[in-house]
Protein backbone atom coordinates (compact mmCIF):
# COMPACT_ATOMS: atom_id res chain seq x y z
CA MET A 1 28.55 3.02 -3.25
CA ASP A 2 25.25 2.81 -5.10
CA LEU A 3 24.71 -0.44 -6.90
CA THR A 4 22.66 -0.22 -10.09
CA PHE A 5 20.86 -3.13 -11.70
CA SER A 6 19.50 -3.16 -15.09
CA PHE A 7 17.12 -5.75 -16.47
CA ASN A 8 17.97 -7.47 -19.70
CA LYS A 9 15.04 -8.36 -22.07
CA ASP A 10 15.15 -11.87 -21.08
CA GLY A 11 14.45 -10.96 -17.47
CA SER A 12 18.03 -11.50 -16.22
CA LEU A 13 19.73 -8.98 -14.12
CA LYS A 14 22.69 -7.16 -15.74
CA ASP A 15 25.21 -6.38 -12.96
CA SER A 16 26.94 -3.04 -12.95
CA GLY A 17 29.57 -4.31 -10.53
CA ASP A 18 31.52 -7.45 -9.80
CA SER A 19 29.84 -8.53 -6.68
CA GLY A 20 26.39 -7.03 -6.93
CA LEU A 21 24.35 -10.00 -8.08
CA LYS A 22 26.16 -12.40 -5.64
CA THR A 23 25.43 -9.95 -2.76
CA LEU A 24 21.78 -9.79 -3.75
CA ARG A 25 21.50 -13.55 -4.06
CA ASN A 26 23.07 -13.95 -0.64
CA ALA A 27 20.65 -11.34 0.91
CA LEU A 28 17.65 -13.10 -0.48
CA ALA A 29 18.91 -16.41 0.83
CA SER A 30 19.63 -15.36 4.38
CA ALA A 31 18.07 -12.03 5.34
CA HIS A 32 14.90 -11.14 7.17
CA VAL A 33 12.83 -10.29 4.03
CA ASN A 34 10.45 -7.28 4.08
CA VAL A 35 8.55 -6.07 1.09
CA LEU A 36 7.10 -2.64 0.46
CA LEU A 37 4.43 -2.57 -2.11
CA GLY A 38 3.01 0.62 -3.62
CA SER A 39 0.18 1.44 -5.94
CA ALA A 40 1.94 -0.04 -8.94
CA PHE A 41 1.29 -3.49 -7.54
CA SER A 42 -2.47 -3.00 -8.16
CA GLN A 43 -2.53 -0.50 -10.98
CA GLU A 44 -4.24 -2.91 -13.37
CA ARG A 45 -7.25 -3.07 -11.07
CA VAL A 46 -7.12 0.24 -9.15
CA PRO A 47 -6.74 3.62 -10.84
CA THR A 48 -4.00 5.84 -9.58
CA LEU A 49 -4.75 8.78 -7.25
CA GLY A 50 -3.65 11.37 -9.90
CA HIS A 51 -4.19 14.88 -8.52
CA ARG A 52 -6.69 13.99 -5.87
CA GLU A 53 -4.40 14.65 -2.89
CA SER A 54 -3.89 18.28 -3.84
CA TRP A 55 -7.72 18.77 -4.07
CA PHE A 56 -8.32 17.01 -0.69
CA CYS A 57 -5.59 19.10 1.01
CA ALA A 58 -6.78 22.46 -0.39
CA THR A 59 -10.44 21.73 0.49
CA GLU A 60 -9.62 20.68 4.05
CA ARG A 61 -7.51 23.81 4.40
CA MET A 62 -10.41 26.03 3.18
CA MET A 63 -12.75 24.20 5.72
CA ARG A 64 -10.36 25.34 8.50
CA GLU A 65 -9.85 28.74 7.19
CA GLU A 66 -13.57 29.45 6.30
CA SER A 67 -15.27 27.35 8.82
CA ASN A 68 -18.66 29.32 8.53
CA ASP A 69 -18.95 28.46 4.83
CA ASP A 70 -20.85 25.22 4.68
CA ALA A 71 -20.10 24.85 1.05
CA TRP A 72 -16.53 23.64 1.79
CA ALA A 73 -17.89 20.72 3.78
CA THR A 74 -20.15 19.92 0.81
CA ALA A 75 -17.15 20.19 -1.44
CA LEU A 76 -15.30 17.63 0.63
CA ALA A 77 -18.30 15.26 0.55
CA LEU A 78 -18.10 15.58 -3.28
CA LEU A 79 -14.40 14.58 -3.34
CA LYS A 80 -15.11 11.65 -1.04
CA ALA A 81 -18.03 10.51 -3.30
CA GLU A 82 -15.89 10.78 -6.50
CA TYR A 83 -12.93 9.07 -4.73
CA PHE A 84 -15.17 6.20 -3.53
CA LEU A 85 -16.96 5.69 -6.88
CA SER A 86 -13.84 5.97 -9.05
CA ILE A 87 -11.21 4.20 -6.89
CA MET A 88 -13.02 1.92 -4.38
CA ALA A 89 -16.36 0.81 -5.93
CA PRO A 90 -14.57 -0.84 -9.03
CA LEU A 91 -13.00 -3.18 -6.58
CA ARG A 92 -16.30 -5.02 -5.91
CA GLY A 93 -15.69 -8.63 -6.98
CA ALA A 94 -12.15 -7.90 -8.14
CA ARG A 95 -9.69 -10.74 -8.45
CA PRO A 96 -5.89 -10.64 -8.66
CA THR A 97 -4.10 -10.41 -11.95
CA GLU A 98 -1.65 -13.02 -13.28
CA GLY A 99 1.20 -10.68 -12.64
CA GLN A 100 0.25 -10.21 -8.98
CA VAL A 101 0.02 -13.93 -8.52
CA ARG A 102 3.43 -14.55 -10.05
CA LEU A 103 5.16 -11.88 -7.91
CA VAL A 104 3.72 -13.08 -4.68
CA GLU A 105 4.45 -16.75 -5.57
CA THR A 106 8.07 -15.73 -6.40
CA LEU A 107 8.35 -13.92 -3.04
CA VAL A 108 6.97 -16.78 -1.00
CA HIS A 109 9.35 -19.14 -2.66
CA LEU A 110 12.24 -16.91 -1.73
CA VAL A 111 11.51 -17.49 1.99
CA ARG A 112 10.17 -21.05 1.71
CA ASP A 113 13.07 -22.56 -0.25
CA ARG A 114 15.75 -21.52 2.11
CA GLY A 115 14.54 -23.28 5.24
CA ALA A 116 13.82 -21.84 8.62
CA ALA A 117 17.24 -22.54 10.13
CA VAL A 118 18.51 -19.37 8.52
CA ALA A 119 15.80 -16.96 9.46
CA PRO A 120 12.11 -17.28 10.35
CA SER A 121 10.18 -18.61 7.39
CA ARG A 122 8.11 -15.50 7.42
CA LEU A 123 7.65 -12.72 4.83
CA ASN A 124 6.61 -9.24 5.96
CA VAL A 125 4.70 -7.35 3.37
CA PHE A 126 3.91 -3.70 3.97
CA THR A 127 1.69 -1.96 1.62
CA THR A 128 -0.09 1.38 1.39
CA ASN A 129 -2.76 -0.13 -0.85
CA TYR A 130 -6.13 -0.73 0.88
CA ASP A 131 -7.49 -3.13 -1.81
CA PRO A 132 -7.80 -6.81 -0.89
CA LEU A 133 -5.80 -8.06 -3.91
CA LEU A 134 -2.74 -9.12 -1.98
CA GLU A 135 -4.86 -11.23 0.41
CA LEU A 136 -6.80 -12.70 -2.47
CA THR A 137 -3.57 -13.63 -4.13
CA LEU A 138 -2.32 -15.44 -1.11
CA GLU A 139 -5.68 -17.26 -0.77
CA GLU A 140 -5.45 -18.26 -4.36
CA LEU A 141 -1.95 -19.62 -3.81
CA ARG A 142 -3.15 -21.35 -0.69
CA VAL A 143 -0.43 -19.65 1.34
CA PRO A 144 -1.06 -19.02 5.16
CA PHE A 145 -1.09 -15.34 5.98
CA ASN A 146 -1.64 -13.15 8.89
CA ASP A 147 -3.62 -9.91 8.41
CA GLY A 148 -3.64 -8.90 12.01
CA PHE A 149 -7.19 -10.10 12.90
CA VAL A 150 -7.70 -12.27 15.92
CA GLY A 151 -10.87 -14.41 16.35
CA SER A 152 -13.19 -16.31 14.11
CA ASP A 153 -16.84 -15.13 14.81
CA SER A 154 -16.02 -11.39 14.97
CA PRO A 155 -12.32 -10.91 14.26
CA VAL A 156 -10.71 -7.90 15.80
CA PHE A 157 -7.59 -6.17 14.55
CA ASP A 158 -4.62 -6.69 16.98
CA PRO A 159 -1.04 -5.74 15.75
CA SER A 160 0.53 -8.05 18.20
CA ALA A 161 -0.73 -10.97 16.11
CA PHE A 162 2.14 -10.11 13.52
CA SER A 163 4.68 -11.46 15.94
CA ARG A 164 3.31 -15.07 15.86
CA LEU A 165 4.82 -17.92 14.02
CA GLN A 166 2.99 -21.20 12.84
CA TYR A 167 4.33 -24.73 13.22
CA GLU A 168 3.23 -28.06 11.95
CA GLN A 169 3.75 -31.16 13.96
CA SER A 170 3.70 -34.76 12.85
CA LEU A 171 0.84 -36.85 14.21
CA PHE A 172 3.01 -39.77 15.05
CA MET A 173 6.44 -38.22 15.64
CA GLU A 174 7.06 -35.20 17.83
CA TYR A 175 8.70 -33.35 15.10
CA SER A 176 7.68 -29.88 14.24
CA THR A 177 8.50 -27.64 11.31
CA GLN A 178 7.76 -23.98 10.77
CA VAL A 179 5.15 -23.00 8.33
CA THR A 180 5.91 -20.36 5.75
CA THR A 181 3.61 -17.41 6.48
CA VAL A 182 3.14 -13.96 5.15
CA ASN A 183 2.39 -11.00 7.40
CA VAL A 184 0.17 -8.54 5.49
CA MET A 185 0.47 -5.12 7.03
CA LYS A 186 -1.44 -2.02 5.86
CA PRO A 187 -0.64 1.22 7.42
CA HIS A 188 -3.22 3.11 5.30
CA GLY A 189 -6.00 0.80 6.32
CA SER A 190 -7.92 -1.70 4.18
CA LEU A 191 -11.26 -2.47 2.77
CA THR A 192 -11.35 -5.43 5.03
CA TRP A 193 -11.12 -3.02 8.07
CA ARG A 194 -14.47 -1.70 9.40
CA ARG A 195 -15.09 0.53 12.39
CA ASP A 196 -16.83 -0.84 15.57
CA GLY A 197 -16.69 1.78 18.20
CA ASP A 198 -13.03 1.99 19.29
CA ARG A 199 -12.14 -1.20 17.48
CA VAL A 200 -11.33 -2.28 13.97
CA VAL A 201 -13.19 -5.41 12.98
CA TYR A 202 -13.00 -7.64 9.93
CA SER A 203 -15.32 -7.14 7.06
CA ARG A 204 -15.53 -8.72 3.58
CA PRO A 205 -14.61 -5.91 1.14
CA ASP A 206 -17.82 -6.25 -0.82
CA ASP A 207 -19.79 -5.84 2.49
CA THR A 208 -17.76 -2.68 3.29
CA LEU A 209 -18.43 -1.20 -0.07
CA ARG A 210 -22.18 -1.90 0.13
CA ALA A 211 -22.32 -0.43 3.69
CA CYS A 212 -20.98 2.82 2.41
CA LEU A 213 -23.87 3.16 -0.08
CA GLU A 214 -26.73 2.25 2.08
CA GLY A 215 -29.40 4.96 1.88
CA CYS A 216 -27.45 6.70 -0.87
CA ASP A 217 -29.32 5.66 -4.04
CA GLY A 218 -28.67 7.83 -7.06
CA LEU A 219 -25.31 9.06 -5.81
CA GLY A 220 -23.48 8.00 -9.01
CA GLY A 221 -25.93 9.78 -11.16
CA LEU A 222 -25.18 13.31 -9.77
CA ASP A 223 -24.07 15.67 -12.55
CA ALA A 224 -21.78 17.45 -10.04
CA LEU A 225 -19.57 14.37 -9.98
CA LYS A 226 -19.05 14.41 -13.70
CA THR A 227 -18.01 18.00 -13.64
CA LEU A 228 -15.64 17.26 -10.62
CA ALA A 229 -14.00 14.50 -12.58
CA GLY A 230 -12.97 17.04 -15.21
CA LEU A 231 -11.52 19.37 -12.50
CA LEU A 232 -9.43 16.45 -11.11
CA ASP A 233 -7.56 16.05 -14.36
CA SER A 234 -5.36 18.96 -13.25
CA GLU A 235 -3.50 19.88 -10.09
CA CYS A 236 -5.60 22.07 -7.77
CA ASP A 237 -5.13 25.81 -8.03
CA ASP A 238 -6.97 28.84 -6.88
CA ALA A 239 -9.09 29.02 -9.88
CA GLY A 240 -10.07 25.32 -9.67
CA LEU A 241 -10.77 25.48 -6.04
CA GLN A 242 -13.19 28.35 -6.58
CA GLU A 243 -14.87 26.29 -9.12
CA LEU A 244 -15.15 23.44 -6.79
CA HIS A 245 -16.68 25.70 -4.14
CA ASP A 246 -19.22 27.11 -6.58
CA LEU A 247 -20.09 23.58 -7.75
CA ALA A 248 -20.86 22.66 -4.14
CA ALA A 249 -22.77 25.76 -3.36
CA TRP A 250 -25.02 25.38 -6.44
CA LEU A 251 -26.24 21.91 -5.56
CA THR A 252 -29.94 21.56 -4.88
CA ALA A 253 -31.03 20.83 -1.23
CA ASP A 254 -31.72 17.19 -2.12
CA GLU A 255 -28.30 16.73 -3.72
CA GLU A 256 -26.59 18.36 -0.82
CA SER A 257 -28.46 16.12 1.52
CA LEU A 258 -27.49 12.97 -0.45
CA LEU A 259 -23.88 13.91 -0.40
CA ARG A 260 -23.78 14.61 3.40
CA ARG A 261 -25.56 11.38 4.07
CA PHE A 262 -22.91 9.49 1.99
CA ALA A 263 -20.09 11.35 3.74
CA ARG A 264 -21.42 10.19 7.07
CA ARG A 265 -21.70 6.60 5.86
CA TYR A 266 -18.13 6.84 4.42
CA ASP A 267 -16.64 8.24 7.64
CA SER A 268 -18.50 5.79 9.93
CA THR A 269 -17.75 2.74 7.89
CA LEU A 270 -14.31 2.94 6.21
CA CYS A 271 -11.07 2.57 8.02
CA VAL A 272 -8.77 4.00 5.38
CA VAL A 273 -6.37 6.96 5.08
CA ASN A 274 -7.66 9.64 2.73
CA PRO A 275 -5.45 11.08 0.11
CA SER A 276 -4.53 14.10 2.22
CA LYS A 277 -1.59 15.40 4.18
CA ARG A 278 -3.89 15.55 7.18
CA LYS A 279 -4.13 11.71 7.36
CA PHE A 280 -5.99 11.46 10.58
CA GLU A 281 -9.17 12.99 12.09
CA GLU A 282 -9.60 10.50 14.85
CA THR A 283 -7.63 8.32 17.08
CA LEU A 284 -8.53 4.83 15.99
CA LEU A 285 -6.88 5.04 12.49
CA GLU A 286 -3.98 6.99 13.89
CA ARG A 287 -3.22 4.37 16.49
CA SER A 288 -3.34 1.47 13.94
CA TYR A 289 -1.21 3.50 11.57
CA TYR A 290 1.61 4.17 14.14
CA ASP A 291 1.39 0.66 15.53
CA LEU A 292 2.24 -0.69 11.97
CA LEU A 293 4.91 1.95 11.41
CA ARG A 294 6.54 0.83 14.64
CA ILE A 295 6.68 -2.70 13.36
CA TYR A 296 8.06 -1.47 10.00
CA ALA A 297 10.81 0.45 11.78
CA ASN A 298 11.71 -2.47 14.13
CA GLU A 299 11.91 -4.89 11.18
CA LEU A 300 14.33 -2.61 9.31
CA ASP A 301 16.44 -2.26 12.46
CA ARG A 302 17.10 -6.06 12.54
CA ASN A 303 20.54 -7.43 11.92
CA ASN A 304 20.69 -8.74 8.34
CA ALA A 305 17.44 -7.12 7.22
CA LEU A 306 16.36 -6.70 3.53
CA LEU A 307 13.79 -4.40 2.18
CA LEU A 308 12.39 -4.94 -1.35
CA ALA A 309 10.45 -1.94 -2.54
CA PHE A 310 8.25 -2.01 -5.62
CA GLY A 311 5.88 0.66 -6.91
CA PHE A 312 6.45 3.02 -4.01
CA SER A 313 6.90 6.67 -4.82
CA SER A 314 8.02 7.85 -1.37
CA ALA A 315 4.91 9.99 -1.21
CA ASP A 316 4.11 8.90 2.35
CA GLU A 317 6.50 11.03 4.38
CA HIS A 318 6.39 8.84 7.49
CA ILE A 319 7.38 5.75 5.68
CA ARG A 320 10.03 7.52 3.59
CA GLU A 321 11.64 9.08 6.64
CA LEU A 322 11.67 5.77 8.58
CA THR A 323 13.25 4.05 5.53
CA VAL A 324 15.95 6.71 5.17
CA ARG A 325 16.69 6.72 8.90
CA ALA A 326 16.97 3.00 9.00
CA ALA A 327 19.30 2.87 5.95
CA HIS A 328 21.57 5.43 7.75
CA SER A 329 21.51 3.79 11.22
CA ASN A 330 21.68 0.09 10.21
CA PRO A 331 24.62 -0.80 7.98
CA ARG A 332 23.48 -4.39 7.88
CA LEU A 333 20.19 -3.43 6.18
CA ILE A 334 19.95 -3.54 2.40
CA VAL A 335 17.25 -1.56 0.70
CA ALA A 336 16.63 -2.66 -2.85
CA VAL A 337 14.36 -0.24 -4.66
CA SER A 338 12.68 -1.03 -7.97
CA CYS A 339 12.55 2.08 -10.16
CA TYR A 340 10.07 2.12 -13.00
CA SER A 341 12.33 4.30 -15.11
CA LYS A 342 15.79 5.94 -14.87
CA GLU A 343 13.92 9.19 -14.04
CA SER A 344 12.33 7.46 -11.16
CA ARG A 345 15.81 6.71 -9.77
CA THR A 346 16.85 10.34 -10.19
CA ALA A 347 13.85 11.36 -7.99
CA LEU A 348 14.71 8.86 -5.25
CA GLU A 349 18.48 9.39 -5.09
CA PRO A 350 18.43 12.75 -3.10
CA TYR A 351 16.80 10.85 -0.12
CA PHE A 352 19.45 8.15 -0.03
CA ARG A 353 22.53 10.08 -1.24
CA GLY A 354 25.77 8.72 0.14
CA LEU A 355 24.36 5.27 1.22
CA ASP A 356 26.06 2.20 -0.15
CA ASN A 357 23.43 -0.12 1.37
CA VAL A 358 20.72 1.29 -1.04
CA TRP A 359 20.45 -0.41 -4.40
CA TYR A 360 18.46 0.72 -7.41
CA MET A 361 16.97 -1.71 -9.91
CA VAL A 362 16.59 0.32 -13.08
CA PRO A 363 15.84 -0.62 -16.68
CA ASP A 364 17.91 -0.25 -19.73
CA GLU A 365 17.62 3.06 -21.59
CA GLY A 366 14.06 3.76 -22.48
CA GLY A 367 12.76 0.63 -20.76
CA HIS A 368 10.65 0.12 -17.63
CA VAL A 369 10.72 -2.09 -14.57
CA ASP A 370 6.98 -3.08 -14.35
CA LEU A 371 5.53 -5.82 -12.24
CA ASP A 372 6.55 -8.58 -14.66
CA ALA A 373 10.06 -7.41 -15.06
CA PHE A 374 10.54 -6.97 -11.23
CA THR A 375 9.25 -10.59 -10.79
CA ARG A 376 11.46 -12.08 -13.40
CA GLY A 377 14.55 -10.25 -12.12
CA LEU A 378 13.95 -11.50 -8.53
CA SER A 379 13.45 -15.03 -9.80
CA TRP A 380 16.57 -15.01 -11.96
CA ALA A 381 18.70 -13.40 -9.08
CA THR A 382 18.03 -16.41 -6.85
CA ARG A 383 19.25 -18.79 -9.60
CA CYS A 384 22.44 -16.97 -10.52
């Protein structure tokens, strides 16, 4: 049976069944809590991808099909430059929003207030966002978190670090208590990740962004990027793809050289998944991606596991399939999905049809479950 939750205007949850709220409250109080955050968590700071994935996919396909035409490689470099300048570069110096701080604070309290005797005092947050806003939020709240990096002088990414717990011990009495921690896991990579041979090392996001632009002065002033921005307003089609090809082919030698130079810096510096169906072009990022997906699958297979999903559109097929499979195979798993609108719920239902351990949190008619409503609803559910 599907349980539907609507949010009242005061942030309280309106239960559609007799036991729904009580069951949710019990799950929050005793389950192994996992959170899946999508792009809506950062939408006030990071523009949405829009139609970019269709353009990346089509261009990469043409590179394979017409490998002798160098204009397609230049077209891909154009797409990477526009993607970087529009989506990533604005994150330089970015700080978390009040809404992000309130949600993270609420989630941490869910785990901290119940004590470690029920379940480990640990919150697992999986996010497809590569911006550093979640980590910055945790730092602002002074909450210990684990981003998978080991070491202090030159931290190296090691997924095994996510299995560790922290304890505090009294100086005078041999009594220890578990410290509430947050695991921050990013299957799509992060601006805090940087390539170093066959390793992923830690980098400050602003340093990562600056490194991508080294030797690429004038990139943002290319007229071709302004033309490309207009093309990206629509889904990629044959006519648009030909226009992109011609745009790349008509560049001057200096413009093409600048774009190719940037593309090399982009590929050799960043460790993020591009908005494309072909997510991986090399082993390093693929290994990290599947290591984190393995942890995700294992966490959902736990007895008494809870997954809270916010702002996730199910566009990542691997994560979606793992979630559906876990919901089918683990009857003790509860998947609570926040739906921005009732239409969003309609789009998700086919994936979870027939599953009574999948709950949808939807708004009243004409309303929306945004970051603030989701936070208030979770906070209220723990008090009911």
